[in-house]
Amino acid sequence: MATGSAQYEFSVEQNALIGSLARKMGWVGLFFTVVGLLNLLVTGLLVLAIYRNQLPADWLSQLPPEARSQMHTLPPSNQLWGFALNAGISGLVYLLIGIWTQTAAGSFRRIVDTQGRDISHLMHALSALHKMYSLVYALLVVTLLFFVAAVGLALFSQFAGG
């Protein structure tokens, strides 16, 4: 044992619950990871669309005719930056949540699959979950602060301008 002290070993019933949790968390983590990667891909495509006027002509000529015609109907570049920023931030958040969920799932799975290190694996899983929920907590706090500021600004402009 790495710690030099005896570690608790979960029972068969506890291992069944932990194993079920690990499988479900693994799938959820995979889903969030894929969604995050897709959002980051969309971000890259939006940035390409923003700089479409600076792309080499031979790149654009390789696009299918439908895509080429749609390149001219895109909103102006200054409007696309908001979409790109949203997709990029969302993609990064989803990717981090997915990775941390899969990391925790792997540690929970090792609790079931190994002997003599259950507490170490449990603590590793809890560490990954702590990182994930710290991110979610920080995002909620920032969102609430923006909401309160927006409401305050709206009330101020309503009563100061009226």
C-alpha atoms as a PDB file:
ATOM      1  CA  MET A   1       0.000   0.000   0.000  1.00  0.00           C
ATOM      2  CA  ALA A   2       1.251   3.431  -0.917  1.00  0.00           C
ATOM      3  CA  THR A   3       0.128   5.144   2.278  1.00  0.00           C
ATOM      4  CA  GLY A   4       1.443   2.466   4.631  1.00  0.00           C
ATOM      5  CA  SER A   5      -1.887   2.253   6.457  1.00  0.00           C
ATOM      6  CA  ALA A   6      -4.707  -0.227   6.057  1.00  0.00           C
ATOM      7  CA  GLN A   7      -7.401   0.852   3.636  1.00  0.00           C
ATOM      8  CA  TYR A   8     -11.092   0.196   3.820  1.00  0.00           C
ATOM      9  CA  GLU A   9     -12.442  -2.318   1.312  1.00  0.00           C
ATOM     10  CA  PHE A  10     -16.006  -1.798   0.083  1.00  0.00           C
ATOM     11  CA  SER A  11     -18.495  -4.679   0.247  1.00  0.00           C
ATOM     12  CA  VAL A  12     -19.912  -6.509  -2.789  1.00  0.00           C
ATOM     13  CA  GLU A  13     -23.144  -4.490  -2.582  1.00  0.00           C
ATOM     14  CA  GLN A  14     -21.246  -1.206  -2.264  1.00  0.00           C
ATOM     15  CA  ASN A  15     -19.025  -2.190  -5.193  1.00  0.00           C
ATOM     16  CA  ALA A  16     -22.136  -2.911  -7.289  1.00  0.00           C
ATOM     17  CA  LEU A  17     -23.477   0.589  -6.574  1.00  0.00           C
ATOM     18  CA  ILE A  18     -20.096   2.219  -7.222  1.00  0.00           C
ATOM     19  CA  GLY A  19     -19.679   0.199 -10.449  1.00  0.00           C
ATOM     20  CA  SER A  20     -23.101   1.279 -11.695  1.00  0.00           C
ATOM     21  CA  LEU A  21     -22.265   4.894 -10.872  1.00  0.00           C
ATOM     22  CA  ALA A  22     -18.927   4.577 -12.689  1.00  0.00           C
ATOM     23  CA  ARG A  23     -20.560   3.220 -15.856  1.00  0.00           C
ATOM     24  CA  LYS A  24     -23.174   5.986 -15.930  1.00  0.00           C
ATOM     25  CA  MET A  25     -20.619   8.672 -15.177  1.00  0.00           C
ATOM     26  CA  GLY A  26     -18.385   7.315 -17.941  1.00  0.00           C
ATOM     27  CA  TRP A  27     -21.169   7.705 -20.515  1.00  0.00           C
ATOM     28  CA  VAL A  28     -22.138  11.153 -19.234  1.00  0.00           C
ATOM     29  CA  GLY A  29     -18.487  12.215 -19.313  1.00  0.00           C
ATOM     30  CA  LEU A  30     -18.106  10.912 -22.859  1.00  0.00           C
ATOM     31  CA  PHE A  31     -21.240  12.800 -23.944  1.00  0.00           C
ATOM     32  CA  PHE A  32     -20.012  16.089 -22.446  1.00  0.00           C
ATOM     33  CA  THR A  33     -16.554  15.580 -23.945  1.00  0.00           C
ATOM     34  CA  VAL A  34     -18.025  15.039 -27.429  1.00  0.00           C
ATOM     35  CA  VAL A  35     -20.351  18.060 -27.046  1.00  0.00           C
ATOM     36  CA  GLY A  36     -17.372  20.133 -25.919  1.00  0.00           C
ATOM     37  CA  LEU A  37     -15.255  19.045 -28.883  1.00  0.00           C
ATOM     38  CA  LEU A  38     -18.129  19.751 -31.300  1.00  0.00           C
ATOM     39  CA  ASN A  39     -18.541  23.231 -29.821  1.00  0.00           C
ATOM     40  CA  LEU A  40     -14.818  23.863 -30.233  1.00  0.00           C
ATOM     41  CA  LEU A  41     -15.083  22.671 -33.852  1.00  0.00           C
ATOM     42  CA  VAL A  42     -17.959  25.120 -34.399  1.00  0.00           C
ATOM     43  CA  THR A  43     -15.787  27.833 -32.858  1.00  0.00           C
ATOM     44  CA  GLY A  44     -13.054  27.078 -35.370  1.00  0.00           C
ATOM     45  CA  LEU A  45     -15.526  27.156 -38.250  1.00  0.00           C
ATOM     46  CA  LEU A  46     -16.964  30.459 -37.038  1.00  0.00           C
ATOM     47  CA  VAL A  47     -13.493  31.975 -36.832  1.00  0.00           C
ATOM     48  CA  LEU A  48     -12.860  30.766 -40.392  1.00  0.00           C
ATOM     49  CA  ALA A  49     -16.149  32.391 -41.444  1.00  0.00           C
ATOM     50  CA  ILE A  50     -15.134  35.619 -39.709  1.00  0.00           C
ATOM     51  CA  TYR A  51     -11.908  35.702 -41.704  1.00  0.00           C
ATOM     52  CA  ARG A  52     -13.538  34.380 -44.890  1.00  0.00           C
ATOM     53  CA  ASN A  53     -12.396  37.420 -46.877  1.00  0.00           C
ATOM     54  CA  GLN A  54      -8.764  36.638 -46.027  1.00  0.00           C
ATOM     55  CA  LEU A  55      -8.940  32.925 -46.876  1.00  0.00           C
ATOM     56  CA  PRO A  56      -7.004  31.791 -49.943  1.00  0.00           C
ATOM     57  CA  ALA A  57      -9.213  31.617 -53.050  1.00  0.00           C
ATOM     58  CA  ASP A  58      -8.212  27.996 -53.734  1.00  0.00           C
ATOM     59  CA  TRP A  59      -9.631  26.983 -50.302  1.00  0.00           C
ATOM     60  CA  LEU A  60     -12.990  28.503 -51.129  1.00  0.00           C
ATOM     61  CA  SER A  61     -13.024  26.932 -54.588  1.00  0.00           C
ATOM     62  CA  GLN A  62     -12.772  23.467 -52.978  1.00  0.00           C
ATOM     63  CA  LEU A  63     -16.019  23.981 -51.071  1.00  0.00           C
ATOM     64  CA  PRO A  64     -19.219  22.444 -52.423  1.00  0.00           C
ATOM     65  CA  PRO A  65     -21.321  24.952 -54.406  1.00  0.00           C
ATOM     66  CA  GLU A  66     -23.978  25.135 -51.646  1.00  0.00           C
ATOM     67  CA  ALA A  67     -21.351  26.025 -49.050  1.00  0.00           C
ATOM     68  CA  ARG A  68     -19.772  28.622 -51.339  1.00  0.00           C
ATOM     69  CA  SER A  69     -23.118  30.336 -51.887  1.00  0.00           C
ATOM     70  CA  GLN A  70     -23.820  30.324 -48.137  1.00  0.00           C
ATOM     71  CA  MET A  71     -20.477  31.997 -47.400  1.00  0.00           C
ATOM     72  CA  HIS A  72     -21.904  35.178 -48.960  1.00  0.00           C
ATOM     73  CA  THR A  73     -25.110  35.075 -46.906  1.00  0.00           C
ATOM     74  CA  LEU A  74     -23.386  34.893 -43.514  1.00  0.00           C
ATOM     75  CA  PRO A  75     -23.900  37.771 -41.086  1.00  0.00           C
ATOM     76  CA  PRO A  76     -21.140  40.378 -40.872  1.00  0.00           C
ATOM     77  CA  SER A  77     -17.962  39.313 -39.084  1.00  0.00           C
ATOM     78  CA  ASN A  78     -18.578  41.597 -36.103  1.00  0.00           C
ATOM     79  CA  GLN A  79     -21.834  39.720 -35.400  1.00  0.00           C
ATOM     80  CA  LEU A  80     -20.179  36.300 -35.665  1.00  0.00           C
ATOM     81  CA  TRP A  81     -17.688  37.060 -32.872  1.00  0.00           C
ATOM     82  CA  GLY A  82     -20.440  36.691 -30.255  1.00  0.00           C
ATOM     83  CA  PHE A  83     -21.384  33.270 -31.609  1.00  0.00           C
ATOM     84  CA  ALA A  84     -17.729  32.206 -31.740  1.00  0.00           C
ATOM     85  CA  LEU A  85     -17.084  33.382 -28.188  1.00  0.00           C
ATOM     86  CA  ASN A  86     -20.211  31.618 -26.906  1.00  0.00           C
ATOM     87  CA  ALA A  87     -19.355  28.366 -28.692  1.00  0.00           C
ATOM     88  CA  GLY A  88     -15.733  28.519 -27.516  1.00  0.00           C
ATOM     89  CA  ILE A  89     -16.537  29.128 -23.859  1.00  0.00           C
ATOM     90  CA  SER A  90     -19.335  26.543 -23.896  1.00  0.00           C
ATOM     91  CA  GLY A  91     -17.071  24.039 -25.609  1.00  0.00           C
ATOM     92  CA  LEU A  92     -14.311  24.536 -23.065  1.00  0.00           C
ATOM     93  CA  VAL A  93     -16.728  24.188 -20.122  1.00  0.00           C
ATOM     94  CA  TYR A  94     -18.351  21.050 -21.578  1.00  0.00           C
ATOM     95  CA  LEU A  95     -14.947  19.571 -22.366  1.00  0.00           C
ATOM     96  CA  LEU A  96     -13.639  20.163 -18.832  1.00  0.00           C
ATOM     97  CA  ILE A  97     -16.814  18.756 -17.249  1.00  0.00           C
ATOM     98  CA  GLY A  98     -16.595  15.723 -19.529  1.00  0.00           C
ATOM     99  CA  ILE A  99     -12.937  15.063 -18.779  1.00  0.00           C
ATOM    100  CA  TRP A 100     -13.348  15.470 -15.025  1.00  0.00           C
ATOM    101  CA  THR A 101     -16.458  13.263 -15.023  1.00  0.00           C
ATOM    102  CA  GLN A 102     -14.603  10.557 -16.959  1.00  0.00           C
ATOM    103  CA  THR A 103     -11.634  10.858 -14.583  1.00  0.00           C
ATOM    104  CA  ALA A 104     -13.911  10.392 -11.573  1.00  0.00           C
ATOM    105  CA  ALA A 105     -15.656   7.483 -13.308  1.00  0.00           C
ATOM    106  CA  GLY A 106     -12.298   5.808 -13.903  1.00  0.00           C
ATOM    107  CA  SER A 107     -11.385   6.143 -10.243  1.00  0.00           C
ATOM    108  CA  PHE A 108     -14.756   4.752  -9.162  1.00  0.00           C
ATOM    109  CA  ARG A 109     -14.253   1.867 -11.599  1.00  0.00           C
ATOM    110  CA  ARG A 110     -10.832   1.142 -10.040  1.00  0.00           C
ATOM    111  CA  ILE A 111     -12.507   0.885  -6.611  1.00  0.00           C
ATOM    112  CA  VAL A 112     -14.504  -2.048  -7.959  1.00  0.00           C
ATOM    113  CA  ASP A 113     -11.715  -3.598 -10.041  1.00  0.00           C
ATOM    114  CA  THR A 114      -8.852  -3.480  -7.526  1.00  0.00           C
ATOM    115  CA  GLN A 115      -8.204  -4.572  -3.941  1.00  0.00           C
ATOM    116  CA  GLY A 116      -6.530  -2.659  -1.139  1.00  0.00           C
ATOM    117  CA  ARG A 117      -6.687   0.893  -2.548  1.00  0.00           C
ATOM    118  CA  ASP A 118     -10.381   1.785  -2.325  1.00  0.00           C
ATOM    119  CA  ILE A 119      -9.886   4.947  -0.249  1.00  0.00           C
ATOM    120  CA  SER A 120      -7.089   6.241  -2.513  1.00  0.00           C
ATOM    121  CA  HIS A 121      -9.284   5.719  -5.589  1.00  0.00           C
ATOM    122  CA  LEU A 122     -12.265   7.295  -3.812  1.00  0.00           C
ATOM    123  CA  MET A 123     -10.218  10.377  -2.928  1.00  0.00           C
ATOM    124  CA  HIS A 124      -8.990  10.683  -6.516  1.00  0.00           C
ATOM    125  CA  ALA A 125     -12.590  10.510  -7.764  1.00  0.00           C
ATOM    126  CA  LEU A 126     -13.675  13.110  -5.224  1.00  0.00           C
ATOM    127  CA  SER A 127     -10.801  15.381  -6.300  1.00  0.00           C
ATOM    128  CA  ALA A 128     -11.964  15.248  -9.938  1.00  0.00           C
ATOM    129  CA  LEU A 129     -15.561  15.934  -8.888  1.00  0.00           C
ATOM    130  CA  HIS A 130     -14.383  18.817  -6.698  1.00  0.00           C
ATOM    131  CA  LYS A 131     -12.665  20.424  -9.707  1.00  0.00           C
ATOM    132  CA  MET A 132     -15.797  20.029 -11.806  1.00  0.00           C
ATOM    133  CA  TYR A 133     -18.147  21.442  -9.187  1.00  0.00           C
ATOM    134  CA  SER A 134     -15.747  24.282  -8.386  1.00  0.00           C
ATOM    135  CA  LEU A 135     -15.975  25.311 -12.040  1.00  0.00           C
ATOM    136  CA  VAL A 136     -19.772  25.023 -12.054  1.00  0.00           C
ATOM    137  CA  TYR A 137     -19.959  26.983  -8.772  1.00  0.00           C
ATOM    138  CA  ALA A 138     -17.724  29.765 -10.132  1.00  0.00           C
ATOM    139  CA  LEU A 139     -19.787  29.971 -13.331  1.00  0.00           C
ATOM    140  CA  LEU A 140     -23.001  30.215 -11.296  1.00  0.00           C
ATOM    141  CA  VAL A 141     -21.561  32.997  -9.127  1.00  0.00           C
ATOM    142  CA  VAL A 142     -20.391  34.950 -12.189  1.00  0.00           C
ATOM    143  CA  THR A 143     -23.770  34.430 -13.886  1.00  0.00           C
ATOM    144  CA  LEU A 144     -25.653  35.631 -10.807  1.00  0.00           C
ATOM    145  CA  LEU A 145     -23.399  38.690 -10.534  1.00  0.00           C
ATOM    146  CA  PHE A 146     -24.029  39.549 -14.189  1.00  0.00           C
ATOM    147  CA  PHE A 147     -27.776  39.046 -13.667  1.00  0.00           C
ATOM    148  CA  VAL A 148     -27.844  41.332 -10.614  1.00  0.00           C
ATOM    149  CA  ALA A 149     -25.771  43.943 -12.471  1.00  0.00           C
ATOM    150  CA  ALA A 150     -28.090  43.758 -15.502  1.00  0.00           C
ATOM    151  CA  VAL A 151     -31.205  44.123 -13.349  1.00  0.00           C
ATOM    152  CA  GLY A 152     -29.600  47.016 -11.471  1.00  0.00           C
ATOM    153  CA  LEU A 153     -28.618  48.713 -14.715  1.00  0.00           C
ATOM    154  CA  ALA A 154     -32.102  48.216 -16.167  1.00  0.00           C
ATOM    155  CA  LEU A 155     -33.750  49.645 -13.048  1.00  0.00           C
ATOM    156  CA  PHE A 156     -31.322  52.550 -12.952  1.00  0.00           C
ATOM    157  CA  SER A 157     -31.914  53.403 -16.613  1.00  0.00           C
ATOM    158  CA  GLN A 158     -35.683  53.041 -16.158  1.00  0.00           C
ATOM    159  CA  PHE A 159     -35.904  55.413 -13.212  1.00  0.00           C
ATOM    160  CA  ALA A 160     -33.039  57.795 -14.051  1.00  0.00           C
ATOM    161  CA  GLY A 161     -34.147  58.355 -17.637  1.00  0.00           C
ATOM    162  CA  GLY A 162     -37.874  58.484 -16.917  1.00  0.00           C
END
